[in-house]
């Protein structure tokens, strides 16, 4: 009986593994980044840019990509810089 109870408890915990992330994430502010792709051969990069919420003078950019030839993913690259008022994300 106790083995069944442990198994049921383990399955319940596994089923709710993402529940806390979903609930806590729903309470956070959402920033809508600018999204675009770059025309390259064999790499499919996607770029996301946004203005920092804690330092409005900073703009950050992250690039995600993967190889078209196989299923290996490239590591994301992120860069933040102090922006001038002319290039701040609107």
PDB file of N, CA and C in Angstrom:
ATOM      1  N   UNK A   1       0.815  -1.200   0.000  1.00  0.00           N
ATOM      2  CA  UNK A   1       0.000   0.000   0.000  1.00  0.00           C
ATOM      3  C   UNK A   1       0.857   1.262   0.000  1.00  0.00           C
ATOM      4  N   UNK A   2       1.920   1.273   0.796  1.00  0.00           N
ATOM      5  CA  UNK A   2       2.755   2.470   0.884  1.00  0.00           C
ATOM      6  C   UNK A   2       3.514   2.711  -0.425  1.00  0.00           C
ATOM      7  N   UNK A   3       3.831   1.637  -1.165  1.00  0.00           N
ATOM      8  CA  UNK A   3       4.501   1.804  -2.457  1.00  0.00           C
ATOM      9  C   UNK A   3       3.572   2.502  -3.451  1.00  0.00           C
ATOM     10  N   UNK A   4       2.291   2.132  -3.416  1.00  0.00           N
ATOM     11  CA  UNK A   4       1.322   2.782  -4.295  1.00  0.00           C
ATOM     12  C   UNK A   4       1.159   4.255  -3.930  1.00  0.00           C
ATOM     13  N   UNK A   5       1.137   4.553  -2.644  1.00  0.00           N
ATOM     14  CA  UNK A   5       1.003   5.935  -2.186  1.00  0.00           C
ATOM     15  C   UNK A   5       2.216   6.768  -2.619  1.00  0.00           C
ATOM     16  N   UNK A   6       3.416   6.209  -2.498  1.00  0.00           N
ATOM     17  CA  UNK A   6       4.626   6.906  -2.921  1.00  0.00           C
ATOM     18  C   UNK A   6       4.599   7.132  -4.430  1.00  0.00           C
ATOM     19  N   UNK A   7       4.164   6.128  -5.190  1.00  0.00           N
ATOM     20  CA  UNK A   7       4.071   6.253  -6.642  1.00  0.00           C
ATOM     21  C   UNK A   7       3.058   7.330  -7.035  1.00  0.00           C
ATOM     22  N   UNK A   8       1.909   7.359  -6.393  1.00  0.00           N
ATOM     23  CA  UNK A   8       0.892   8.373  -6.681  1.00  0.00           C
ATOM     24  C   UNK A   8       1.410   9.762  -6.324  1.00  0.00           C
ATOM     25  N   UNK A   9       2.089   9.886  -5.195  1.00  0.00           N
ATOM     26  CA  UNK A   9       2.656  11.164  -4.779  1.00  0.00           C
ATOM     27  C   UNK A   9       3.722  11.635  -5.777  1.00  0.00           C
ATOM     28  N   UNK A  10       4.575  10.726  -6.213  1.00  0.00           N
ATOM     29  CA  UNK A  10       5.619  11.083  -7.179  1.00  0.00           C
ATOM     30  C   UNK A  10       5.006  11.527  -8.504  1.00  0.00           C
ATOM     31  N   UNK A  11       3.979  10.847  -8.960  1.00  0.00           N
ATOM     32  CA  UNK A  11       3.311  11.235 -10.209  1.00  0.00           C
ATOM     33  C   UNK A  11       2.606  12.580 -10.064  1.00  0.00           C
ATOM     34  N   UNK A  12       2.013  12.842  -8.912  1.00  0.00           N
ATOM     35  CA  UNK A  12       1.341  14.124  -8.691  1.00  0.00           C
ATOM     36  C   UNK A  12       2.348  15.267  -8.688  1.00  0.00           C
ATOM     37  N   UNK A  13       3.501  15.049  -8.069  1.00  0.00           N
ATOM     38  CA  UNK A  13       4.535  16.081  -8.050  1.00  0.00           C
ATOM     39  C   UNK A  13       5.050  16.328  -9.456  1.00  0.00           C
ATOM     40  N   UNK A  14       5.288  15.271 -10.224  1.00  0.00           N
ATOM     41  CA  UNK A  14       5.773  15.423 -11.605  1.00  0.00           C
ATOM     42  C   UNK A  14       4.745  16.138 -12.476  1.00  0.00           C
ATOM     43  N   UNK A  15       3.466  15.859 -12.270  1.00  0.00           N
ATOM     44  CA  UNK A  15       2.417  16.493 -13.069  1.00  0.00           C
ATOM     45  C   UNK A  15       2.315  17.983 -12.782  1.00  0.00           C
ATOM     46  N   UNK A  16       2.631  18.391 -11.563  1.00  0.00           N
ATOM     47  CA  UNK A  16       2.539  19.798 -11.183  1.00  0.00           C
ATOM     48  C   UNK A  16       3.886  20.522 -11.239  1.00  0.00           C
ATOM     49  N   UNK A  17       4.880  19.920 -11.868  1.00  0.00           N
ATOM     50  CA  UNK A  17       6.229  20.497 -11.872  1.00  0.00           C
ATOM     51  C   UNK A  17       6.252  21.902 -12.456  1.00  0.00           C
ATOM     52  N   UNK A  18       5.504  22.158 -13.508  1.00  0.00           N
ATOM     53  CA  UNK A  18       5.509  23.471 -14.134  1.00  0.00           C
ATOM     54  C   UNK A  18       4.447  24.408 -13.592  1.00  0.00           C
ATOM     55  N   UNK A  19       3.650  23.949 -12.656  1.00  0.00           N
ATOM     56  CA  UNK A  19       2.554  24.763 -12.139  1.00  0.00           C
ATOM     57  C   UNK A  19       3.070  26.007 -11.414  1.00  0.00           C
ATOM     58  N   UNK A  20       4.103  25.875 -10.577  1.00  0.00           N
ATOM     59  CA  UNK A  20       4.623  27.026  -9.854  1.00  0.00           C
ATOM     60  C   UNK A  20       5.196  28.062 -10.809  1.00  0.00           C
ATOM     61  N   UNK A  21       5.917  27.612 -11.837  1.00  0.00           N
ATOM     62  CA  UNK A  21       6.476  28.540 -12.825  1.00  0.00           C
ATOM     63  C   UNK A  21       5.367  29.300 -13.532  1.00  0.00           C
ATOM     64  N   UNK A  22       4.293  28.611 -13.857  1.00  0.00           N
ATOM     65  CA  UNK A  22       3.177  29.244 -14.538  1.00  0.00           C
ATOM     66  C   UNK A  22       2.499  30.275 -13.644  1.00  0.00           C
ATOM     67  N   UNK A  23       2.253  29.921 -12.398  1.00  0.00           N
ATOM     68  CA  UNK A  23       1.572  30.831 -11.472  1.00  0.00           C
ATOM     69  C   UNK A  23       2.459  32.031 -11.157  1.00  0.00           C
ATOM     70  N   UNK A  24       3.723  31.808 -10.823  1.00  0.00           N
ATOM     71  CA  UNK A  24       4.602  32.924 -10.467  1.00  0.00           C
ATOM     72  C   UNK A  24       4.910  33.791 -11.684  1.00  0.00           C
ATOM     73  N   UNK A  25       4.984  33.203 -12.867  1.00  0.00           N
ATOM     74  CA  UNK A  25       5.234  33.972 -14.087  1.00  0.00           C
ATOM     75  C   UNK A  25       4.057  34.844 -14.469  1.00  0.00           C
ATOM     76  N   UNK A  26       2.857  34.433 -14.110  1.00  0.00           N
ATOM     77  CA  UNK A  26       1.662  35.207 -14.448  1.00  0.00           C
ATOM     78  C   UNK A  26       1.621  36.524 -13.675  1.00  0.00           C
ATOM     79  N   UNK A  27       2.303  36.599 -12.548  1.00  0.00           N
ATOM     80  CA  UNK A  27       2.294  37.799 -11.731  1.00  0.00           C
ATOM     81  C   UNK A  27       3.356  38.814 -12.153  1.00  0.00           C
ATOM     82  N   UNK A  28       4.267  38.418 -13.035  1.00  0.00           N
ATOM     83  CA  UNK A  28       5.343  39.311 -13.464  1.00  0.00           C
ATOM     84  C   UNK A  28       4.899  40.200 -14.622  1.00  0.00           C
ATOM     85  N   UNK A  29       5.542  41.377 -14.726  1.00  0.00           N
ATOM     86  CA  UNK A  29       5.299  42.251 -15.870  1.00  0.00           C
ATOM     87  C   UNK A  29       5.861  41.605 -17.127  1.00  0.00           C
ATOM     88  N   UNK A  30       5.226  41.884 -18.244  1.00  0.00           N
ATOM     89  CA  UNK A  30       5.678  41.337 -19.523  1.00  0.00           C
ATOM     90  C   UNK A  30       6.202  42.469 -20.392  1.00  0.00           C
ATOM     91  N   UNK A  31       7.350  42.249 -21.005  1.00  0.00           N
ATOM     92  CA  UNK A  31       7.939  43.201 -21.931  1.00  0.00           C
ATOM     93  C   UNK A  31       7.811  42.610 -23.327  1.00  0.00           C
ATOM     94  N   UNK A  32       7.249  43.358 -24.249  1.00  0.00           N
ATOM     95  CA  UNK A  32       7.103  42.887 -25.626  1.00  0.00           C
ATOM     96  C   UNK A  32       8.347  43.317 -26.408  1.00  0.00           C
ATOM     97  N   UNK A  33       9.231  42.360 -26.757  1.00  0.00           N
ATOM     98  CA  UNK A  33      10.437  42.733 -27.489  1.00  0.00           C
ATOM     99  C   UNK A  33      10.152  42.923 -28.973  1.00  0.00           C
ATOM    100  N   UNK A  34      11.081  43.586 -29.636  1.00  0.00           N
ATOM    101  CA  UNK A  34      11.056  43.659 -31.099  1.00  0.00           C
ATOM    102  C   UNK A  34      11.660  42.345 -31.585  1.00  0.00           C
ATOM    103  N   UNK A  35      10.999  41.655 -32.505  1.00  0.00           N
ATOM    104  CA  UNK A  35      11.472  40.368 -32.994  1.00  0.00           C
ATOM    105  C   UNK A  35      11.739  40.443 -34.482  1.00  0.00           C
ATOM    106  N   UNK A  36      12.833  39.835 -34.927  1.00  0.00           N
ATOM    107  CA  UNK A  36      13.110  39.738 -36.358  1.00  0.00           C
ATOM    108  C   UNK A  36      14.087  38.608 -36.618  1.00  0.00           C
ATOM    109  N   UNK A  37      14.178  38.188 -37.867  1.00  0.00           N
ATOM    110  CA  UNK A  37      15.142  37.167 -38.272  1.00  0.00           C
ATOM    111  C   UNK A  37      16.185  37.814 -39.174  1.00  0.00           C
ATOM    112  N   UNK A  38      17.317  37.157 -39.284  1.00  0.00           N
ATOM    113  CA  UNK A  38      18.396  37.638 -40.135  1.00  0.00           C
ATOM    114  C   UNK A  38      18.555  36.648 -41.277  1.00  0.00           C
ATOM    115  N   UNK A  39      18.649  37.154 -42.497  1.00  0.00           N
ATOM    116  CA  UNK A  39      18.782  36.301 -43.673  1.00  0.00           C
ATOM    117  C   UNK A  39      20.208  35.753 -43.752  1.00  0.00           C
ATOM    118  N   UNK A  40      20.382  34.491 -43.388  1.00  0.00           N
ATOM    119  CA  UNK A  40      21.682  33.835 -43.460  1.00  0.00           C
ATOM    120  C   UNK A  40      21.512  32.459 -44.081  1.00  0.00           C
ATOM    121  N   UNK A  41      22.601  31.887 -44.516  1.00  0.00           N
ATOM    122  CA  UNK A  41      22.565  30.547 -45.117  1.00  0.00           C
ATOM    123  C   UNK A  41      22.912  29.501 -44.064  1.00  0.00           C
ATOM    124  N   UNK A  42      21.969  28.604 -43.775  1.00  0.00           N
ATOM    125  CA  UNK A  42      22.235  27.465 -42.922  1.00  0.00           C
ATOM    126  C   UNK A  42      22.174  27.700 -41.430  1.00  0.00           C
ATOM    127  N   UNK A  43      21.776  28.848 -40.971  1.00  0.00           N
ATOM    128  CA  UNK A  43      21.726  29.104 -39.526  1.00  0.00           C
ATOM    129  C   UNK A  43      20.387  29.663 -39.046  1.00  0.00           C
ATOM    130  N   UNK A  44      19.456  30.073 -39.384  1.00  0.00           N
ATOM    131  CA  UNK A  44      18.154  30.507 -38.896  1.00  0.00           C
ATOM    132  C   UNK A  44      18.170  31.307 -37.586  1.00  0.00           C
ATOM    133  N   UNK A  45      18.876  32.432 -37.535  1.00  0.00           N
ATOM    134  CA  UNK A  45      18.900  33.201 -36.286  1.00  0.00           C
ATOM    135  C   UNK A  45      17.638  34.048 -36.076  1.00  0.00           C
ATOM    136  N   UNK A  46      17.219  34.128 -34.823  1.00  0.00           N
ATOM    137  CA  UNK A  46      16.097  34.975 -34.429  1.00  0.00           C
ATOM    138  C   UNK A  46      16.616  35.960 -33.396  1.00  0.00           C
ATOM    139  N   UNK A  47      16.273  37.226 -33.566  1.00  0.00           N
ATOM    140  CA  UNK A  47      16.782  38.290 -32.706  1.00  0.00           C
ATOM    141  C   UNK A  47      15.625  38.913 -31.941  1.00  0.00           C
ATOM    142  N   UNK A  48      15.842  39.157 -30.653  1.00  0.00           N
ATOM    143  CA  UNK A  48      14.865  39.827 -29.808  1.00  0.00           C
ATOM    144  C   UNK A  48      15.576  40.997 -29.140  1.00  0.00           C
ATOM    145  N   UNK A  49      14.993  42.190 -29.200  1.00  0.00           N
ATOM    146  CA  UNK A  49      15.556  43.383 -28.573  1.00  0.00           C
ATOM    147  C   UNK A  49      14.502  44.018 -27.674  1.00  0.00           C
ATOM    148  N   UNK A  50      14.950  44.553 -26.536  1.00  0.00           N
ATOM    149  CA  UNK A  50      14.035  45.216 -25.614  1.00  0.00           C
ATOM    150  C   UNK A  50      14.795  46.233 -24.781  1.00  0.00           C
ATOM    151  N   UNK A  51      14.049  47.160 -24.227  1.00  0.00           N
ATOM    152  CA  UNK A  51      14.607  48.176 -23.337  1.00  0.00           C
ATOM    153  C   UNK A  51      14.531  47.642 -21.908  1.00  0.00           C
ATOM    154  N   UNK A  52      15.611  47.782 -21.159  1.00  0.00           N
ATOM    155  CA  UNK A  52      15.677  47.287 -19.790  1.00  0.00           C
ATOM    156  C   UNK A  52      14.618  47.979 -18.928  1.00  0.00           C
ATOM    157  N   UNK A  53      13.973  47.224 -18.061  1.00  0.00           N
ATOM    158  CA  UNK A  53      12.972  47.779 -17.157  1.00  0.00           C
ATOM    159  C   UNK A  53      13.614  48.413 -15.929  1.00  0.00           C
ATOM    160  N   UNK A  54      14.808  47.951 -15.539  1.00  0.00           N
ATOM    161  CA  UNK A  54      15.467  48.500 -14.356  1.00  0.00           C
ATOM    162  C   UNK A  54      16.381  49.676 -14.686  1.00  0.00           C
ATOM    163  N   UNK A  55      16.838  49.757 -15.944  1.00  0.00           N
ATOM    164  CA  UNK A  55      17.672  50.871 -16.392  1.00  0.00           C
ATOM    165  C   UNK A  55      17.198  51.267 -17.789  1.00  0.00           C
ATOM    166  N   UNK A  56      16.253  52.203 -17.905  1.00  0.00           N
ATOM    167  CA  UNK A  56      15.664  52.545 -19.201  1.00  0.00           C
ATOM    168  C   UNK A  56      16.658  53.014 -20.261  1.00  0.00           C
ATOM    169  N   UNK A  57      17.872  53.357 -19.872  1.00  0.00           N
ATOM    170  CA  UNK A  57      18.866  53.766 -20.851  1.00  0.00           C
ATOM    171  C   UNK A  57      19.578  52.600 -21.509  1.00  0.00           C
ATOM    172  N   UNK A  58      19.296  51.374 -21.054  1.00  0.00           N
ATOM    173  CA  UNK A  58      19.957  50.184 -21.600  1.00  0.00           C
ATOM    174  C   UNK A  58      19.021  49.453 -22.561  1.00  0.00           C
ATOM    175  N   UNK A  59      19.580  48.981 -23.643  1.00  0.00           N
ATOM    176  CA  UNK A  59      18.858  48.145 -24.600  1.00  0.00           C
ATOM    177  C   UNK A  59      19.576  46.809 -24.656  1.00  0.00           C
ATOM    178  N   UNK A  60      18.832  45.718 -24.646  1.00  0.00           N
ATOM    179  CA  UNK A  60      19.426  44.384 -24.692  1.00  0.00           C
ATOM    180  C   UNK A  60      18.946  43.654 -25.938  1.00  0.00           C
ATOM    181  N   UNK A  61      19.787  42.779 -26.416  1.00  0.00           N
ATOM    182  CA  UNK A  61      19.486  41.992 -27.599  1.00  0.00           C
ATOM    183  C   UNK A  61      19.958  40.566 -27.361  1.00  0.00           C
ATOM    184  N   UNK A  62      19.151  39.599 -27.745  1.00  0.00           N
ATOM    185  CA  UNK A  62      19.552  38.198 -27.641  1.00  0.00           C
ATOM    186  C   UNK A  62      19.281  37.533 -28.988  1.00  0.00           C
ATOM    187  N   UNK A  63      20.187  36.661 -29.386  1.00  0.00           N
ATOM    188  CA  UNK A  63      20.064  35.950 -30.660  1.00  0.00           C
ATOM    189  C   UNK A  63      19.981  34.456 -30.362  1.00  0.00           C
ATOM    190  N   UNK A  64      18.907  33.823 -30.852  1.00  0.00           N
ATOM    191  CA  UNK A  64      18.744  32.377 -30.768  1.00  0.00           C
ATOM    192  C   UNK A  64      18.839  31.830 -32.175  1.00  0.00           C
ATOM    193  N   UNK A  65      19.401  30.667 -32.328  1.00  0.00           N
ATOM    194  CA  UNK A  65      19.463  30.097 -33.658  1.00  0.00           C
ATOM    195  C   UNK A  65      19.697  28.610 -33.602  1.00  0.00           C
ATOM    196  N   UNK A  66      19.504  27.980 -34.737  1.00  0.00           N
ATOM    197  CA  UNK A  66      19.820  26.568 -34.858  1.00  0.00           C
ATOM    198  C   UNK A  66      20.228  26.286 -36.296  1.00  0.00           C
ATOM    199  N   UNK A  67      20.984  25.236 -36.455  1.00  0.00           N
ATOM    200  CA  UNK A  67      21.455  24.856 -37.768  1.00  0.00           C
ATOM    201  C   UNK A  67      20.315  24.236 -38.563  1.00  0.00           C
ATOM    202  N   UNK A  68      20.181  24.620 -39.808  1.00  0.00           N
ATOM    203  CA  UNK A  68      19.152  24.038 -40.672  1.00  0.00           C
ATOM    204  C   UNK A  68      19.566  22.632 -41.100  1.00  0.00           C
ATOM    205  N   UNK A  69      20.863  22.360 -41.177  1.00  0.00           N
ATOM    206  CA  UNK A  69      21.371  21.068 -41.656  1.00  0.00           C
ATOM    207  C   UNK A  69      21.137  19.947 -40.655  1.00  0.00           C
ATOM    208  N   UNK A  70      21.129  20.223 -39.371  1.00  0.00           N
ATOM    209  CA  UNK A  70      20.858  19.203 -38.369  1.00  0.00           C
ATOM    210  C   UNK A  70      20.061  19.829 -37.226  1.00  0.00           C
ATOM    211  N   UNK A  71      19.813  19.079 -36.190  1.00  0.00           N
ATOM    212  CA  UNK A  71      18.934  19.560 -35.120  1.00  0.00           C
ATOM    213  C   UNK A  71      19.692  20.156 -33.937  1.00  0.00           C
ATOM    214  N   UNK A  72      20.995  20.333 -34.043  1.00  0.00           N
ATOM    215  CA  UNK A  72      21.735  20.919 -32.926  1.00  0.00           C
ATOM    216  C   UNK A  72      21.433  22.403 -32.829  1.00  0.00           C
ATOM    217  N   UNK A  73      21.276  22.889 -31.644  1.00  0.00           N
ATOM    218  CA  UNK A  73      20.971  24.304 -31.436  1.00  0.00           C
ATOM    219  C   UNK A  73      22.227  25.067 -31.060  1.00  0.00           C
ATOM    220  N   UNK A  74      22.343  26.260 -31.549  1.00  0.00           N
ATOM    221  CA  UNK A  74      23.448  27.128 -31.165  1.00  0.00           C
ATOM    222  C   UNK A  74      23.137  27.758 -29.811  1.00  0.00           C
ATOM    223  N   UNK A  75      24.155  28.113 -29.081  1.00  0.00           N
ATOM    224  CA  UNK A  75      23.974  28.771 -27.795  1.00  0.00           C
ATOM    225  C   UNK A  75      23.465  30.190 -28.023  1.00  0.00           C
ATOM    226  N   UNK A  76      22.512  30.654 -27.223  1.00  0.00           N
ATOM    227  CA  UNK A  76      22.043  32.037 -27.389  1.00  0.00           C
ATOM    228  C   UNK A  76      23.127  33.032 -27.004  1.00  0.00           C
ATOM    229  N   UNK A  77      23.122  34.166 -27.662  1.00  0.00           N
ATOM    230  CA  UNK A  77      24.058  35.252 -27.375  1.00  0.00           C
ATOM    231  C   UNK A  77      23.264  36.466 -26.934  1.00  0.00           C
ATOM    232  N   UNK A  78      23.696  37.099 -25.831  1.00  0.00           N
ATOM    233  CA  UNK A  78      22.994  38.279 -25.343  1.00  0.00           C
ATOM    234  C   UNK A  78      23.994  39.415 -25.167  1.00  0.00           C
ATOM    235  N   UNK A  79      23.548  40.611 -25.518  1.00  0.00           N
ATOM    236  CA  UNK A  79      24.392  41.792 -25.401  1.00  0.00           C
ATOM    237  C   UNK A  79      23.514  42.965 -24.998  1.00  0.00           C
ATOM    238  N   UNK A  80      23.962  43.745 -24.024  1.00  0.00           N
ATOM    239  CA  UNK A  80      23.249  44.958 -23.597  1.00  0.00           C
ATOM    240  C   UNK A  80      24.179  46.151 -23.750  1.00  0.00           C
ATOM    241  N   UNK A  81      23.627  47.293 -24.133  1.00  0.00           N
ATOM    242  CA  UNK A  81      24.442  48.491 -24.324  1.00  0.00           C
ATOM    243  C   UNK A  81      23.659  49.722 -23.899  1.00  0.00           C
ATOM    244  N   UNK A  82      24.407  50.748 -23.545  1.00  0.00           N
ATOM    245  CA  UNK A  82      23.821  52.048 -23.198  1.00  0.00           C
ATOM    246  C   UNK A  82      23.390  52.703 -24.492  1.00  0.00           C
ATOM    247  N   UNK A  83      22.128  52.972 -24.637  1.00  0.00           N
ATOM    248  CA  UNK A  83      21.599  53.514 -25.896  1.00  0.00           C
ATOM    249  C   UNK A  83      21.430  55.017 -25.804  1.00  0.00           C
ATOM    250  N   UNK A  84      21.549  55.642 -26.947  1.00  0.00           N
ATOM    251  CA  UNK A  84      21.232  57.067 -27.026  1.00  0.00           C
ATOM    252  C   UNK A  84      19.738  57.194 -27.233  1.00  0.00           C
ATOM    253  N   UNK A  85      19.204  58.371 -27.004  1.00  0.00           N
ATOM    254  CA  UNK A  85      17.756  58.563 -27.102  1.00  0.00           C
ATOM    255  C   UNK A  85      17.232  58.300 -28.515  1.00  0.00           C
ATOM    256  N   UNK A  86      18.076  58.407 -29.531  1.00  0.00           N
ATOM    257  CA  UNK A  86      17.612  58.194 -30.905  1.00  0.00           C
ATOM    258  C   UNK A  86      17.361  56.723 -31.224  1.00  0.00           C
ATOM    259  N   UNK A  87      17.999  55.807 -30.471  1.00  0.00           N
ATOM    260  CA  UNK A  87      17.847  54.394 -30.806  1.00  0.00           C
ATOM    261  C   UNK A  87      17.130  53.595 -29.732  1.00  0.00           C
ATOM    262  N   UNK A  88      16.536  54.244 -28.744  1.00  0.00           N
ATOM    263  CA  UNK A  88      15.802  53.508 -27.731  1.00  0.00           C
ATOM    264  C   UNK A  88      14.599  52.817 -28.334  1.00  0.00           C
ATOM    265  N   UNK A  89      14.322  51.632 -27.870  1.00  0.00           N
ATOM    266  CA  UNK A  89      13.176  50.856 -28.329  1.00  0.00           C
ATOM    267  C   UNK A  89      11.908  51.570 -27.900  1.00  0.00           C
ATOM    268  N   UNK A  90      10.985  51.743 -28.797  1.00  0.00           N
ATOM    269  CA  UNK A  90       9.724  52.419 -28.492  1.00  0.00           C
ATOM    270  C   UNK A  90       8.622  51.410 -28.301  1.00  0.00           C
TER     271      UNK A  90
END
